[in-house]
């Protein structure tokens, strides 16, 4: 049955009420607006994701960065190569374990990433306009809980496959 919307699955269909689909669809449509703005100002979304993961830390292992940025390691390595060639990140040996490499954002990377974060904050404010602070806190809390529960029961998370 078509409910008159021009997006999403038909009301009453399996996917219309399937949590994984709803989360993926919400992420897709929510991100579309900010991604368009970020592409105008930067090299691309992959680069943006990496830089924003590094902005608040003093270096991160490649494996941890891949996990947080939601990339598999081969794809992340390509992004890191591009960012390194542009002088936006540096790879340095880990002082506690010479076999490990840590990725650090450079001053040039910070200069690029900070205005992009402001764009993302503005987009978030626009998208959440009309919700109370309590509702926004509740939405974010529930999302974090869903992530934690999924990780706790070891659901497989294939890189690049947001819909389970």
N, C-alpha and C. Protein backbone atom coordinates (compact mmCIF):
# COMPACT_ATOMS: atom_id res chain seq x y z
N UNK A 1 0.84 -1.17 0.00
CA UNK A 1 0.00 0.00 0.00
C UNK A 1 0.90 1.25 0.00
N UNK A 2 0.64 2.17 -0.87
CA UNK A 2 1.41 3.41 -0.96
C UNK A 2 0.76 4.43 -0.04
N UNK A 3 1.56 4.99 0.88
CA UNK A 3 1.00 5.94 1.84
C UNK A 3 1.13 7.39 1.39
N UNK A 4 1.53 7.63 0.16
CA UNK A 4 1.61 8.97 -0.37
C UNK A 4 2.96 9.64 -0.21
N UNK A 5 3.86 9.04 0.57
CA UNK A 5 5.20 9.60 0.70
C UNK A 5 6.00 9.25 -0.55
N UNK A 6 6.92 10.10 -0.89
CA UNK A 6 7.77 9.84 -2.05
C UNK A 6 9.13 9.29 -1.65
N UNK A 7 9.27 8.81 -0.45
CA UNK A 7 10.52 8.26 0.04
C UNK A 7 10.21 7.06 0.92
N UNK A 8 11.18 6.25 1.14
CA UNK A 8 11.04 5.14 2.06
C UNK A 8 10.14 4.04 1.55
N UNK A 9 10.08 2.97 2.30
CA UNK A 9 9.27 1.81 1.90
C UNK A 9 7.79 2.05 2.17
N UNK A 10 6.94 1.26 1.56
CA UNK A 10 5.50 1.40 1.81
C UNK A 10 5.16 1.10 3.27
N UNK A 11 4.25 1.87 3.81
CA UNK A 11 3.80 1.65 5.19
C UNK A 11 3.27 0.23 5.33
N UNK A 12 3.63 -0.40 6.42
CA UNK A 12 3.18 -1.77 6.68
C UNK A 12 4.12 -2.83 6.13
N UNK A 13 5.08 -2.45 5.31
CA UNK A 13 6.05 -3.44 4.81
C UNK A 13 7.04 -3.77 5.91
N UNK A 14 7.73 -4.89 5.75
CA UNK A 14 8.71 -5.32 6.74
C UNK A 14 9.74 -4.24 7.01
N UNK A 15 10.36 -3.69 5.95
CA UNK A 15 11.44 -2.73 6.17
C UNK A 15 10.94 -1.41 6.76
N UNK A 16 9.67 -1.08 6.57
CA UNK A 16 9.14 0.17 7.11
C UNK A 16 9.22 0.20 8.63
N UNK A 17 9.27 -0.95 9.26
CA UNK A 17 9.32 -1.03 10.72
C UNK A 17 10.53 -1.80 11.22
N UNK A 18 11.49 -2.05 10.35
CA UNK A 18 12.69 -2.81 10.71
C UNK A 18 13.76 -1.84 11.22
N UNK A 19 14.18 -2.02 12.46
CA UNK A 19 15.09 -1.08 13.12
C UNK A 19 16.35 -0.81 12.31
N UNK A 20 16.98 -1.83 11.81
CA UNK A 20 18.23 -1.64 11.07
C UNK A 20 18.01 -0.77 9.83
N UNK A 21 16.92 -1.01 9.13
CA UNK A 21 16.60 -0.18 7.98
C UNK A 21 16.35 1.27 8.41
N UNK A 22 15.54 1.45 9.45
CA UNK A 22 15.22 2.80 9.91
C UNK A 22 16.47 3.57 10.32
N UNK A 23 17.39 2.91 11.02
CA UNK A 23 18.64 3.57 11.41
C UNK A 23 19.47 3.94 10.19
N UNK A 24 19.57 3.01 9.23
CA UNK A 24 20.34 3.28 8.02
C UNK A 24 19.71 4.40 7.20
N UNK A 25 18.40 4.37 7.05
CA UNK A 25 17.69 5.40 6.29
C UNK A 25 17.83 6.76 6.98
N UNK A 26 17.68 6.78 8.31
CA UNK A 26 17.83 8.02 9.05
C UNK A 26 19.24 8.58 8.86
N UNK A 27 20.24 7.72 8.94
CA UNK A 27 21.62 8.16 8.74
C UNK A 27 21.82 8.70 7.34
N UNK A 28 21.26 8.00 6.38
CA UNK A 28 21.42 8.40 4.97
C UNK A 28 20.81 9.78 4.70
N UNK A 29 19.57 9.98 5.10
CA UNK A 29 18.92 11.25 4.80
C UNK A 29 19.44 12.38 5.69
N UNK A 30 19.78 12.05 6.93
CA UNK A 30 20.33 13.05 7.84
C UNK A 30 21.69 13.54 7.33
N UNK A 31 22.52 12.61 6.89
CA UNK A 31 23.88 12.94 6.45
C UNK A 31 23.92 13.63 5.09
N UNK A 32 22.93 13.41 4.26
CA UNK A 32 22.98 13.95 2.90
C UNK A 32 23.19 15.46 2.88
N UNK A 33 22.50 16.17 3.74
CA UNK A 33 22.62 17.63 3.75
C UNK A 33 23.98 18.10 4.19
N UNK A 34 24.49 17.53 5.26
CA UNK A 34 25.80 17.97 5.75
C UNK A 34 26.90 17.52 4.80
N UNK A 35 26.76 16.37 4.21
CA UNK A 35 27.78 15.89 3.26
C UNK A 35 27.90 16.83 2.08
N UNK A 36 26.80 17.33 1.58
CA UNK A 36 26.85 18.27 0.45
C UNK A 36 27.62 19.53 0.84
N UNK A 37 27.37 20.03 2.03
CA UNK A 37 28.07 21.24 2.50
C UNK A 37 29.56 20.98 2.70
N UNK A 38 29.87 19.82 3.25
CA UNK A 38 31.27 19.50 3.53
C UNK A 38 32.05 19.28 2.24
N UNK A 39 31.43 18.64 1.26
CA UNK A 39 32.11 18.43 -0.03
C UNK A 39 32.49 19.75 -0.68
N UNK A 40 31.67 20.77 -0.50
CA UNK A 40 31.99 22.09 -1.06
C UNK A 40 33.26 22.67 -0.47
N UNK A 41 33.55 22.35 0.79
CA UNK A 41 34.64 22.99 1.53
C UNK A 41 35.88 22.12 1.70
N UNK A 42 35.79 20.83 1.36
CA UNK A 42 36.90 19.93 1.66
C UNK A 42 37.14 18.95 0.53
N UNK A 43 38.07 18.07 0.76
CA UNK A 43 38.42 17.05 -0.23
C UNK A 43 37.37 15.97 -0.39
N UNK A 44 36.61 15.71 0.64
CA UNK A 44 35.60 14.68 0.54
C UNK A 44 35.15 14.17 1.90
N UNK A 45 34.16 13.34 1.88
CA UNK A 45 33.55 12.84 3.11
C UNK A 45 34.48 11.89 3.84
N UNK A 46 35.17 11.03 3.14
CA UNK A 46 36.09 10.10 3.80
C UNK A 46 37.16 10.87 4.56
N UNK A 47 37.70 11.88 3.94
CA UNK A 47 38.73 12.69 4.58
C UNK A 47 38.16 13.41 5.80
N UNK A 48 36.97 13.95 5.66
CA UNK A 48 36.28 14.63 6.75
C UNK A 48 36.10 13.70 7.94
N UNK A 49 35.66 12.47 7.67
CA UNK A 49 35.44 11.52 8.77
C UNK A 49 36.72 11.24 9.52
N UNK A 50 37.81 11.09 8.81
CA UNK A 50 39.09 10.80 9.47
C UNK A 50 39.55 12.00 10.28
N UNK A 51 39.52 13.18 9.69
CA UNK A 51 39.99 14.37 10.40
C UNK A 51 39.17 14.63 11.66
N UNK A 52 37.86 14.45 11.59
CA UNK A 52 37.04 14.71 12.77
C UNK A 52 37.29 13.69 13.87
N UNK A 53 37.69 12.49 13.51
CA UNK A 53 38.04 11.49 14.53
C UNK A 53 39.34 11.84 15.24
N UNK A 54 40.21 12.57 14.56
CA UNK A 54 41.52 12.90 15.12
C UNK A 54 41.58 14.24 15.83
N UNK A 55 40.58 15.09 15.64
CA UNK A 55 40.68 16.48 16.10
C UNK A 55 40.80 16.61 17.61
N UNK A 56 40.25 15.70 18.37
CA UNK A 56 40.24 15.84 19.83
C UNK A 56 41.20 14.89 20.55
N UNK A 57 42.09 14.24 19.81
CA UNK A 57 43.02 13.28 20.42
C UNK A 57 44.44 13.58 19.98
N UNK A 58 45.38 13.11 20.78
CA UNK A 58 46.79 13.27 20.44
C UNK A 58 47.28 11.97 19.81
N UNK A 59 46.82 11.73 18.61
CA UNK A 59 47.21 10.53 17.88
C UNK A 59 46.31 9.35 18.18
N UNK A 60 46.20 8.47 17.19
CA UNK A 60 45.35 7.29 17.33
C UNK A 60 45.94 6.17 16.48
N UNK A 61 45.84 4.94 16.96
CA UNK A 61 46.32 3.82 16.17
C UNK A 61 45.46 3.67 14.91
N UNK A 62 46.03 3.11 13.89
CA UNK A 62 45.30 2.94 12.63
C UNK A 62 44.10 2.03 12.84
N UNK A 63 44.26 0.97 13.61
CA UNK A 63 43.13 0.05 13.81
C UNK A 63 41.99 0.73 14.57
N UNK A 64 42.32 1.52 15.58
CA UNK A 64 41.27 2.23 16.33
C UNK A 64 40.61 3.29 15.45
N UNK A 65 41.41 3.98 14.65
CA UNK A 65 40.86 4.99 13.73
C UNK A 65 39.92 4.35 12.72
N UNK A 66 40.29 3.19 12.20
CA UNK A 66 39.41 2.48 11.26
C UNK A 66 38.08 2.14 11.92
N UNK A 67 38.14 1.70 13.16
CA UNK A 67 36.93 1.35 13.90
C UNK A 67 36.03 2.57 14.09
N UNK A 68 36.60 3.67 14.53
CA UNK A 68 35.80 4.85 14.83
C UNK A 68 35.28 5.52 13.56
N UNK A 69 36.12 5.57 12.52
CA UNK A 69 35.73 6.23 11.27
C UNK A 69 34.84 5.33 10.40
N UNK A 70 34.64 4.09 10.83
CA UNK A 70 33.78 3.13 10.13
C UNK A 70 34.34 2.75 8.75
N UNK A 71 35.65 2.51 8.70
CA UNK A 71 36.32 2.07 7.47
C UNK A 71 37.00 0.74 7.72
N UNK A 72 37.15 -0.06 6.66
CA UNK A 72 38.06 -1.18 6.78
C UNK A 72 39.48 -0.64 6.61
N UNK A 73 40.46 -1.38 7.09
CA UNK A 73 41.82 -0.84 7.09
C UNK A 73 42.38 -0.56 5.69
N UNK A 74 42.13 -1.39 4.68
CA UNK A 74 42.65 -1.04 3.35
C UNK A 74 42.11 0.29 2.84
N UNK A 75 40.83 0.54 3.04
CA UNK A 75 40.26 1.82 2.58
C UNK A 75 40.83 2.97 3.40
N UNK A 76 40.95 2.77 4.70
CA UNK A 76 41.51 3.82 5.54
C UNK A 76 42.94 4.14 5.12
N UNK A 77 43.72 3.15 4.78
CA UNK A 77 45.10 3.39 4.36
C UNK A 77 45.16 4.30 3.15
N UNK A 78 44.25 4.11 2.21
CA UNK A 78 44.21 4.98 1.03
C UNK A 78 43.85 6.41 1.41
N UNK A 79 42.89 6.56 2.31
CA UNK A 79 42.50 7.90 2.76
C UNK A 79 43.67 8.55 3.49
N UNK A 80 44.35 7.79 4.34
CA UNK A 80 45.49 8.33 5.07
C UNK A 80 46.61 8.74 4.13
N UNK A 81 46.82 7.97 3.06
CA UNK A 81 47.83 8.35 2.07
C UNK A 81 47.50 9.71 1.46
N UNK A 82 46.22 9.91 1.10
CA UNK A 82 45.82 11.20 0.52
C UNK A 82 45.98 12.33 1.52
N UNK A 83 45.53 12.10 2.75
CA UNK A 83 45.64 13.14 3.77
C UNK A 83 47.09 13.45 4.10
N UNK A 84 47.93 12.43 4.13
CA UNK A 84 49.35 12.63 4.38
C UNK A 84 50.01 13.43 3.27
N UNK A 85 49.67 13.12 2.03
CA UNK A 85 50.24 13.84 0.88
C UNK A 85 49.83 15.31 0.89
N UNK A 86 48.67 15.60 1.46
CA UNK A 86 48.19 16.99 1.56
C UNK A 86 48.70 17.69 2.81
N UNK A 87 49.45 16.96 3.64
CA UNK A 87 49.97 17.55 4.87
C UNK A 87 48.93 17.73 5.96
N UNK A 88 47.83 16.98 5.90
CA UNK A 88 46.74 17.14 6.87
C UNK A 88 46.86 16.18 8.05
N UNK A 89 47.61 15.08 7.85
CA UNK A 89 47.88 14.14 8.95
C UNK A 89 49.34 13.73 8.86
N UNK A 90 49.83 13.17 9.97
CA UNK A 90 51.17 12.57 10.01
C UNK A 90 51.04 11.20 10.63
N UNK A 91 51.83 10.27 10.15
CA UNK A 91 51.96 8.96 10.79
C UNK A 91 53.27 8.98 11.57
N UNK A 92 53.18 8.60 12.85
CA UNK A 92 54.37 8.57 13.70
C UNK A 92 54.41 7.25 14.45
N UNK A 93 55.60 6.81 14.74
CA UNK A 93 55.75 5.61 15.55
C UNK A 93 55.19 5.83 16.94
N UNK A 94 54.62 4.80 17.50
CA UNK A 94 54.09 4.85 18.86
C UNK A 94 55.27 4.79 19.83
N UNK A 95 55.32 5.73 20.75
CA UNK A 95 56.46 5.78 21.68
C UNK A 95 56.50 4.59 22.62
N UNK A 96 55.36 3.95 22.87
CA UNK A 96 55.34 2.79 23.78
C UNK A 96 55.49 1.46 23.05
N UNK A 97 55.31 1.45 21.73
CA UNK A 97 55.44 0.21 20.96
C UNK A 97 55.87 0.59 19.54
N UNK A 98 57.13 0.40 19.24
CA UNK A 98 57.67 0.84 17.95
C UNK A 98 57.04 0.14 16.74
N UNK A 99 56.40 -0.98 16.97
CA UNK A 99 55.76 -1.69 15.84
C UNK A 99 54.47 -1.03 15.42
N UNK A 100 53.91 -0.21 16.29
CA UNK A 100 52.63 0.44 16.02
C UNK A 100 52.84 1.85 15.46
N UNK A 101 51.89 2.26 14.65
CA UNK A 101 51.90 3.60 14.08
C UNK A 101 50.68 4.34 14.62
N UNK A 102 50.88 5.59 14.96
CA UNK A 102 49.78 6.44 15.40
C UNK A 102 49.60 7.55 14.37
N UNK A 103 48.36 7.90 14.14
CA UNK A 103 48.01 8.95 13.18
C UNK A 103 47.69 10.21 13.96
N UNK A 104 48.29 11.31 13.54
CA UNK A 104 48.09 12.61 14.20
C UNK A 104 47.61 13.61 13.17
N UNK A 105 46.70 14.47 13.58
CA UNK A 105 46.25 15.56 12.72
C UNK A 105 47.30 16.68 12.81
N UNK A 106 47.58 17.32 11.71
CA UNK A 106 48.56 18.41 11.67
C UNK A 106 47.84 19.75 11.87
N UNK A 107 48.61 20.82 12.08
CA UNK A 107 47.97 22.14 12.15
C UNK A 107 47.15 22.46 10.90
N UNK A 108 47.63 22.05 9.72
CA UNK A 108 46.85 22.27 8.50
C UNK A 108 45.56 21.46 8.52
N UNK A 109 45.63 20.24 9.05
CA UNK A 109 44.43 19.42 9.18
C UNK A 109 43.43 20.04 10.14
N UNK A 110 43.94 20.58 11.25
CA UNK A 110 43.06 21.26 12.20
C UNK A 110 42.40 22.48 11.56
N UNK A 111 43.19 23.22 10.79
CA UNK A 111 42.65 24.43 10.14
C UNK A 111 41.54 24.07 9.15
N UNK A 112 41.64 22.93 8.51
CA UNK A 112 40.59 22.49 7.59
C UNK A 112 39.40 21.93 8.36
N UNK A 113 39.66 21.13 9.40
CA UNK A 113 38.60 20.40 10.09
C UNK A 113 37.72 21.29 10.96
N UNK A 114 38.30 22.27 11.62
CA UNK A 114 37.50 23.09 12.55
C UNK A 114 36.31 23.77 11.89
N UNK A 115 36.48 24.43 10.74
CA UNK A 115 35.30 25.02 10.10
C UNK A 115 34.28 23.97 9.64
N UNK A 116 34.77 22.79 9.29
CA UNK A 116 33.85 21.72 8.88
C UNK A 116 33.02 21.23 10.06
N UNK A 117 33.63 21.19 11.22
CA UNK A 117 32.89 20.80 12.42
C UNK A 117 31.81 21.83 12.72
N UNK A 118 32.10 23.09 12.49
CA UNK A 118 31.08 24.12 12.70
C UNK A 118 29.92 23.93 11.71
N UNK A 119 30.23 23.54 10.49
CA UNK A 119 29.17 23.25 9.51
C UNK A 119 28.32 22.09 10.02
N UNK A 120 28.98 21.05 10.54
CA UNK A 120 28.25 19.89 11.06
C UNK A 120 27.39 20.27 12.26
N UNK A 121 27.93 21.11 13.13
CA UNK A 121 27.14 21.55 14.30
C UNK A 121 25.92 22.36 13.86
N UNK A 122 26.10 23.22 12.86
CA UNK A 122 24.98 24.01 12.35
C UNK A 122 23.92 23.09 11.74
N UNK A 123 24.37 22.10 10.98
CA UNK A 123 23.44 21.15 10.37
C UNK A 123 22.68 20.37 11.45
N UNK A 124 23.40 19.94 12.47
CA UNK A 124 22.74 19.22 13.55
C UNK A 124 21.68 20.10 14.22
N UNK A 125 22.01 21.35 14.46
CA UNK A 125 21.05 22.27 15.07
C UNK A 125 19.81 22.43 14.19
N UNK A 126 20.01 22.53 12.89
CA UNK A 126 18.88 22.65 11.96
C UNK A 126 18.03 21.38 11.97
N UNK A 127 18.68 20.23 11.96
CA UNK A 127 17.96 18.96 11.91
C UNK A 127 17.20 18.68 13.21
N UNK A 128 17.72 19.18 14.32
CA UNK A 128 17.09 18.90 15.61
C UNK A 128 16.22 20.04 16.12
N UNK A 129 16.09 21.09 15.30
CA UNK A 129 15.22 22.20 15.68
C UNK A 129 13.81 21.66 15.92
N UNK A 130 13.20 22.11 16.98
CA UNK A 130 11.85 21.64 17.30
C UNK A 130 11.84 20.55 18.36
N UNK A 131 12.98 19.91 18.59
CA UNK A 131 13.09 18.94 19.67
C UNK A 131 13.57 19.67 20.91
N UNK A 132 13.14 19.25 22.06
CA UNK A 132 13.64 19.83 23.30
C UNK A 132 15.03 19.27 23.59
N UNK A 133 15.75 19.95 24.48
CA UNK A 133 17.07 19.44 24.88
C UNK A 133 16.94 18.05 25.48
N UNK A 134 15.88 17.81 26.23
CA UNK A 134 15.67 16.49 26.83
C UNK A 134 15.42 15.42 25.76
N UNK A 135 14.66 15.77 24.73
CA UNK A 135 14.41 14.82 23.64
C UNK A 135 15.70 14.51 22.87
N UNK A 136 16.50 15.53 22.61
CA UNK A 136 17.77 15.33 21.91
C UNK A 136 18.69 14.44 22.74
N UNK A 137 18.77 14.71 24.03
CA UNK A 137 19.60 13.88 24.91
C UNK A 137 19.09 12.44 24.92
N UNK A 138 17.77 12.26 24.92
CA UNK A 138 17.20 10.91 24.92
C UNK A 138 17.50 10.18 23.61
N UNK A 139 17.37 10.86 22.49
CA UNK A 139 17.68 10.24 21.19
C UNK A 139 19.13 9.76 21.17
N UNK A 140 20.04 10.64 21.57
CA UNK A 140 21.47 10.29 21.56
C UNK A 140 21.78 9.17 22.55
N UNK A 141 21.14 9.20 23.70
CA UNK A 141 21.35 8.14 24.70
C UNK A 141 20.89 6.79 24.16
N UNK A 142 19.72 6.77 23.55
CA UNK A 142 19.20 5.52 22.99
C UNK A 142 20.10 5.00 21.87
N UNK A 143 20.57 5.90 21.02
CA UNK A 143 21.48 5.46 19.95
C UNK A 143 22.76 4.87 20.53
N UNK A 144 23.34 5.53 21.53
CA UNK A 144 24.56 4.99 22.17
C UNK A 144 24.28 3.63 22.80
N UNK A 145 23.12 3.48 23.43
CA UNK A 145 22.77 2.20 24.04
C UNK A 145 22.63 1.11 22.97
N UNK A 146 22.00 1.44 21.84
CA UNK A 146 21.89 0.47 20.76
C UNK A 146 23.26 0.04 20.25
N UNK A 147 24.15 1.00 20.10
CA UNK A 147 25.50 0.68 19.65
C UNK A 147 26.18 -0.22 20.68
N UNK A 148 26.12 0.15 21.94
CA UNK A 148 26.76 -0.64 23.00
C UNK A 148 26.20 -2.05 23.05
N UNK A 149 24.89 -2.20 22.97
CA UNK A 149 24.27 -3.53 23.01
C UNK A 149 24.70 -4.37 21.81
N UNK A 150 24.74 -3.74 20.65
CA UNK A 150 25.15 -4.47 19.44
C UNK A 150 26.58 -4.96 19.59
N UNK A 151 27.45 -4.10 20.10
CA UNK A 151 28.85 -4.50 20.30
C UNK A 151 28.97 -5.56 21.38
N UNK A 152 28.16 -5.46 22.42
CA UNK A 152 28.23 -6.41 23.53
C UNK A 152 27.84 -7.82 23.11
N UNK A 153 26.91 -7.93 22.17
CA UNK A 153 26.52 -9.28 21.74
C UNK A 153 27.25 -9.69 20.46
N UNK A 154 28.26 -8.91 20.11
CA UNK A 154 29.16 -9.23 19.00
C UNK A 154 28.47 -9.44 17.68
N UNK A 155 27.51 -8.58 17.38
CA UNK A 155 26.91 -8.65 16.06
C UNK A 155 27.97 -8.27 15.03
N UNK A 156 28.07 -9.02 13.95
CA UNK A 156 29.06 -8.65 12.93
C UNK A 156 28.70 -7.31 12.32
N UNK A 157 29.73 -6.49 12.07
CA UNK A 157 29.54 -5.18 11.46
C UNK A 157 30.42 -5.09 10.23
N UNK A 158 29.97 -5.64 9.11
CA UNK A 158 30.81 -5.55 7.92
C UNK A 158 31.08 -4.09 7.56
N UNK A 159 32.36 -3.74 7.35
CA UNK A 159 32.66 -2.35 6.96
C UNK A 159 31.93 -1.95 5.70
N UNK A 160 31.34 -0.77 5.73
CA UNK A 160 30.66 -0.26 4.56
C UNK A 160 29.26 -0.81 4.36
N UNK A 161 28.77 -1.64 5.31
CA UNK A 161 27.43 -2.22 5.18
C UNK A 161 26.59 -1.78 6.36
N UNK A 162 25.96 -0.59 6.28
CA UNK A 162 25.23 -0.07 7.43
C UNK A 162 23.93 -0.80 7.71
N UNK A 163 23.38 -1.55 6.78
CA UNK A 163 22.11 -2.23 6.99
C UNK A 163 22.38 -3.71 7.20
N UNK A 164 21.90 -4.24 8.32
CA UNK A 164 22.15 -5.63 8.68
C UNK A 164 21.15 -6.57 8.12
